[in-house]
Amino acid sequence: MDIEKKFLEAVEDSKTITEKPSNETLLQLYSLYKQATLGDNISEPNPNPFDFVAKAKYDAWADLFGKPKEVAMQEYIDLIYKLKN
């Protein structure tokens, strides 16, 4: 099975996780998903300095700049597998 199919399965599996992951793990999932689906974060940061959630998401994704999509997909798959077991 190719990496994209495994990734899409992991995305579906993420919806069945019963225990809510930590905020750090959620940010990691978010940033890996964005990197895997959209590539490098080239967007502008949210101009509101008090929107801490948006800033955390932006920073988490920006930290993955340059990571190949396939690597982000595999890391996402591995993290979902870890959360499910």
N, C-alpha and C. Protein backbone atom coordinates (compact mmCIF):
# COMPACT_ATOMS: atom_id res chain seq x y z
N MET A 1 0.85 -1.18 0.00
CA MET A 1 0.00 0.00 0.00
C MET A 1 0.89 1.24 0.00
N ASP A 2 0.54 2.22 -0.80
CA ASP A 2 1.38 3.41 -0.88
C ASP A 2 1.12 4.36 0.29
N ILE A 3 2.04 5.29 0.47
CA ILE A 3 2.04 6.19 1.63
C ILE A 3 0.78 7.05 1.67
N GLU A 4 0.28 7.48 0.52
CA GLU A 4 -0.90 8.34 0.50
C GLU A 4 -2.14 7.59 0.99
N LYS A 5 -2.27 6.33 0.61
CA LYS A 5 -3.41 5.54 1.08
C LYS A 5 -3.32 5.31 2.58
N LYS A 6 -2.11 5.00 3.07
CA LYS A 6 -1.92 4.81 4.50
C LYS A 6 -2.22 6.10 5.26
N PHE A 7 -1.81 7.23 4.68
CA PHE A 7 -2.06 8.53 5.30
C PHE A 7 -3.56 8.79 5.40
N LEU A 8 -4.29 8.55 4.32
CA LEU A 8 -5.74 8.77 4.34
C LEU A 8 -6.43 7.85 5.34
N GLU A 9 -5.93 6.64 5.48
CA GLU A 9 -6.48 5.73 6.48
C GLU A 9 -6.19 6.25 7.88
N ALA A 10 -5.01 6.78 8.09
CA ALA A 10 -4.65 7.33 9.40
C ALA A 10 -5.52 8.54 9.73
N VAL A 11 -5.82 9.36 8.73
CA VAL A 11 -6.71 10.51 8.95
C VAL A 11 -8.08 10.02 9.42
N GLU A 12 -8.59 8.98 8.77
CA GLU A 12 -9.87 8.40 9.18
C GLU A 12 -9.77 7.79 10.58
N ASP A 13 -8.67 7.11 10.85
CA ASP A 13 -8.45 6.51 12.17
C ASP A 13 -8.39 7.57 13.27
N SER A 14 -7.90 8.75 12.93
CA SER A 14 -7.78 9.81 13.93
C SER A 14 -9.15 10.20 14.50
N LYS A 15 -10.18 9.97 13.73
CA LYS A 15 -11.53 10.32 14.17
C LYS A 15 -12.10 9.30 15.16
N THR A 16 -11.42 8.17 15.31
CA THR A 16 -11.93 7.13 16.20
C THR A 16 -11.16 7.05 17.51
N ILE A 17 -10.19 7.93 17.72
CA ILE A 17 -9.42 7.92 18.97
C ILE A 17 -10.34 8.39 20.09
N THR A 18 -10.46 7.58 21.12
CA THR A 18 -11.42 7.87 22.18
C THR A 18 -10.87 8.82 23.24
N GLU A 19 -9.59 8.73 23.53
CA GLU A 19 -8.99 9.59 24.55
C GLU A 19 -8.38 10.82 23.88
N LYS A 20 -8.76 12.00 24.37
CA LYS A 20 -8.26 13.24 23.75
C LYS A 20 -6.76 13.38 24.00
N PRO A 21 -5.99 13.57 22.93
CA PRO A 21 -4.54 13.78 23.09
C PRO A 21 -4.24 15.12 23.76
N SER A 22 -3.02 15.26 24.23
CA SER A 22 -2.59 16.52 24.84
C SER A 22 -2.58 17.62 23.77
N ASN A 23 -2.55 18.86 24.24
CA ASN A 23 -2.49 19.99 23.30
C ASN A 23 -1.24 19.93 22.44
N GLU A 24 -0.13 19.49 23.02
CA GLU A 24 1.12 19.38 22.26
C GLU A 24 0.96 18.35 21.14
N THR A 25 0.34 17.23 21.45
CA THR A 25 0.12 16.19 20.44
C THR A 25 -0.84 16.66 19.37
N LEU A 26 -1.89 17.38 19.78
CA LEU A 26 -2.84 17.92 18.81
C LEU A 26 -2.15 18.89 17.85
N LEU A 27 -1.26 19.72 18.37
CA LEU A 27 -0.50 20.64 17.51
C LEU A 27 0.40 19.88 16.56
N GLN A 28 0.99 18.80 17.05
CA GLN A 28 1.85 17.99 16.20
C GLN A 28 1.03 17.35 15.08
N LEU A 29 -0.14 16.82 15.42
CA LEU A 29 -1.02 16.23 14.39
C LEU A 29 -1.43 17.28 13.37
N TYR A 30 -1.82 18.45 13.86
CA TYR A 30 -2.24 19.55 12.98
C TYR A 30 -1.12 19.93 12.01
N SER A 31 0.07 20.15 12.56
CA SER A 31 1.17 20.62 11.71
C SER A 31 1.61 19.54 10.71
N LEU A 32 1.63 18.29 11.14
CA LEU A 32 1.99 17.22 10.21
C LEU A 32 0.95 17.08 9.11
N TYR A 33 -0.33 17.20 9.48
CA TYR A 33 -1.40 17.11 8.48
C TYR A 33 -1.26 18.24 7.46
N LYS A 34 -1.06 19.45 7.94
CA LYS A 34 -0.93 20.60 7.03
C LYS A 34 0.30 20.45 6.12
N GLN A 35 1.42 20.01 6.69
CA GLN A 35 2.63 19.83 5.89
C GLN A 35 2.43 18.74 4.85
N ALA A 36 1.73 17.67 5.25
CA ALA A 36 1.50 16.55 4.33
C ALA A 36 0.53 16.90 3.22
N THR A 37 -0.44 17.76 3.50
CA THR A 37 -1.45 18.06 2.49
C THR A 37 -1.17 19.34 1.71
N LEU A 38 -0.55 20.34 2.35
CA LEU A 38 -0.34 21.63 1.69
C LEU A 38 1.12 21.98 1.45
N GLY A 39 2.03 21.29 2.12
CA GLY A 39 3.44 21.62 1.99
C GLY A 39 3.85 22.72 2.95
N ASP A 40 4.91 23.42 2.62
CA ASP A 40 5.45 24.45 3.50
C ASP A 40 4.46 25.57 3.78
N ASN A 41 4.52 26.07 5.01
CA ASN A 41 3.66 27.17 5.43
C ASN A 41 4.24 28.48 4.90
N ILE A 42 3.56 29.04 3.90
CA ILE A 42 4.01 30.32 3.33
C ILE A 42 2.99 31.42 3.61
N SER A 43 2.03 31.12 4.46
CA SER A 43 0.99 32.11 4.78
C SER A 43 1.53 33.13 5.78
N GLU A 44 0.82 34.21 5.90
CA GLU A 44 1.16 35.25 6.87
C GLU A 44 0.60 34.86 8.23
N PRO A 45 1.31 35.17 9.32
CA PRO A 45 0.78 34.86 10.65
C PRO A 45 -0.45 35.71 10.95
N ASN A 46 -1.28 35.22 11.84
CA ASN A 46 -2.48 35.94 12.27
C ASN A 46 -2.03 37.27 12.90
N PRO A 47 -2.61 38.39 12.48
CA PRO A 47 -2.18 39.68 13.00
C PRO A 47 -2.62 39.94 14.45
N ASN A 48 -3.56 39.16 14.97
CA ASN A 48 -4.03 39.35 16.34
C ASN A 48 -3.04 38.71 17.32
N PRO A 49 -2.31 39.53 18.10
CA PRO A 49 -1.31 38.97 19.01
C PRO A 49 -1.92 38.20 20.18
N PHE A 50 -3.23 38.32 20.38
CA PHE A 50 -3.87 37.65 21.50
C PHE A 50 -4.58 36.36 21.09
N ASP A 51 -4.47 35.99 19.83
CA ASP A 51 -5.03 34.72 19.37
C ASP A 51 -3.94 33.66 19.50
N PHE A 52 -3.81 33.16 20.73
CA PHE A 52 -2.71 32.26 21.06
C PHE A 52 -2.82 30.91 20.35
N VAL A 53 -4.04 30.46 20.12
CA VAL A 53 -4.25 29.18 19.43
C VAL A 53 -3.76 29.30 17.98
N ALA A 54 -4.16 30.37 17.30
CA ALA A 54 -3.74 30.56 15.92
C ALA A 54 -2.22 30.70 15.82
N LYS A 55 -1.63 31.39 16.78
CA LYS A 55 -0.17 31.55 16.79
C LYS A 55 0.52 30.21 17.00
N ALA A 56 0.01 29.40 17.92
CA ALA A 56 0.60 28.10 18.18
C ALA A 56 0.50 27.20 16.95
N LYS A 57 -0.65 27.23 16.28
CA LYS A 57 -0.82 26.43 15.07
C LYS A 57 0.13 26.90 13.97
N TYR A 58 0.21 28.21 13.77
CA TYR A 58 1.08 28.78 12.75
C TYR A 58 2.53 28.37 13.02
N ASP A 59 2.97 28.55 14.27
CA ASP A 59 4.35 28.24 14.62
C ASP A 59 4.67 26.76 14.46
N ALA A 60 3.72 25.90 14.86
CA ALA A 60 3.94 24.46 14.76
C ALA A 60 4.11 24.05 13.30
N TRP A 61 3.29 24.58 12.43
CA TRP A 61 3.38 24.25 11.01
C TRP A 61 4.65 24.86 10.41
N ALA A 62 4.95 26.11 10.77
CA ALA A 62 6.15 26.78 10.23
C ALA A 62 7.42 26.05 10.64
N ASP A 63 7.42 25.41 11.80
CA ASP A 63 8.59 24.66 12.27
C ASP A 63 8.91 23.46 11.36
N LEU A 64 7.95 23.04 10.57
CA LEU A 64 8.16 21.90 9.67
C LEU A 64 8.60 22.32 8.27
N PHE A 65 8.88 23.60 8.09
CA PHE A 65 9.27 24.12 6.78
C PHE A 65 10.41 23.29 6.19
N GLY A 66 10.22 22.83 4.97
CA GLY A 66 11.24 22.06 4.28
C GLY A 66 11.10 20.55 4.44
N LYS A 67 10.22 20.11 5.35
CA LYS A 67 10.02 18.66 5.54
C LYS A 67 9.23 18.13 4.35
N PRO A 68 9.73 17.10 3.69
CA PRO A 68 9.01 16.54 2.54
C PRO A 68 7.63 16.01 2.94
N LYS A 69 6.68 16.14 2.02
CA LYS A 69 5.31 15.70 2.30
C LYS A 69 5.25 14.24 2.72
N GLU A 70 6.03 13.40 2.05
CA GLU A 70 6.00 11.96 2.35
C GLU A 70 6.49 11.68 3.77
N VAL A 71 7.47 12.43 4.22
CA VAL A 71 7.99 12.27 5.58
C VAL A 71 6.93 12.71 6.59
N ALA A 72 6.27 13.83 6.31
CA ALA A 72 5.20 14.31 7.19
C ALA A 72 4.06 13.30 7.24
N MET A 73 3.73 12.70 6.10
CA MET A 73 2.69 11.68 6.07
C MET A 73 3.06 10.49 6.95
N GLN A 74 4.30 10.02 6.83
CA GLN A 74 4.73 8.87 7.61
C GLN A 74 4.74 9.19 9.11
N GLU A 75 5.18 10.38 9.47
CA GLU A 75 5.19 10.77 10.88
C GLU A 75 3.77 10.88 11.43
N TYR A 76 2.85 11.37 10.61
CA TYR A 76 1.44 11.44 11.01
C TYR A 76 0.89 10.02 11.23
N ILE A 77 1.17 9.13 10.29
CA ILE A 77 0.72 7.74 10.40
C ILE A 77 1.26 7.12 11.68
N ASP A 78 2.55 7.31 11.93
CA ASP A 78 3.18 6.73 13.12
C ASP A 78 2.56 7.29 14.41
N LEU A 79 2.27 8.57 14.43
CA LEU A 79 1.69 9.19 15.61
C LEU A 79 0.27 8.68 15.86
N ILE A 80 -0.51 8.56 14.82
CA ILE A 80 -1.88 8.02 14.97
C ILE A 80 -1.81 6.58 15.47
N TYR A 81 -0.91 5.79 14.92
CA TYR A 81 -0.74 4.40 15.36
C TYR A 81 -0.40 4.35 16.85
N LYS A 82 0.50 5.23 17.26
CA LYS A 82 0.91 5.29 18.67
C LYS A 82 -0.29 5.67 19.56
N LEU A 83 -1.09 6.61 19.13
CA LEU A 83 -2.24 7.05 19.92
C LEU A 83 -3.32 5.98 20.02
N LYS A 84 -3.45 5.17 18.98
CA LYS A 84 -4.47 4.14 18.98
C LYS A 84 -4.08 2.92 19.82
N ASN A 85 -2.78 2.73 20.06
CA ASN A 85 -2.32 1.54 20.79
C ASN A 85 -1.82 1.86 22.17
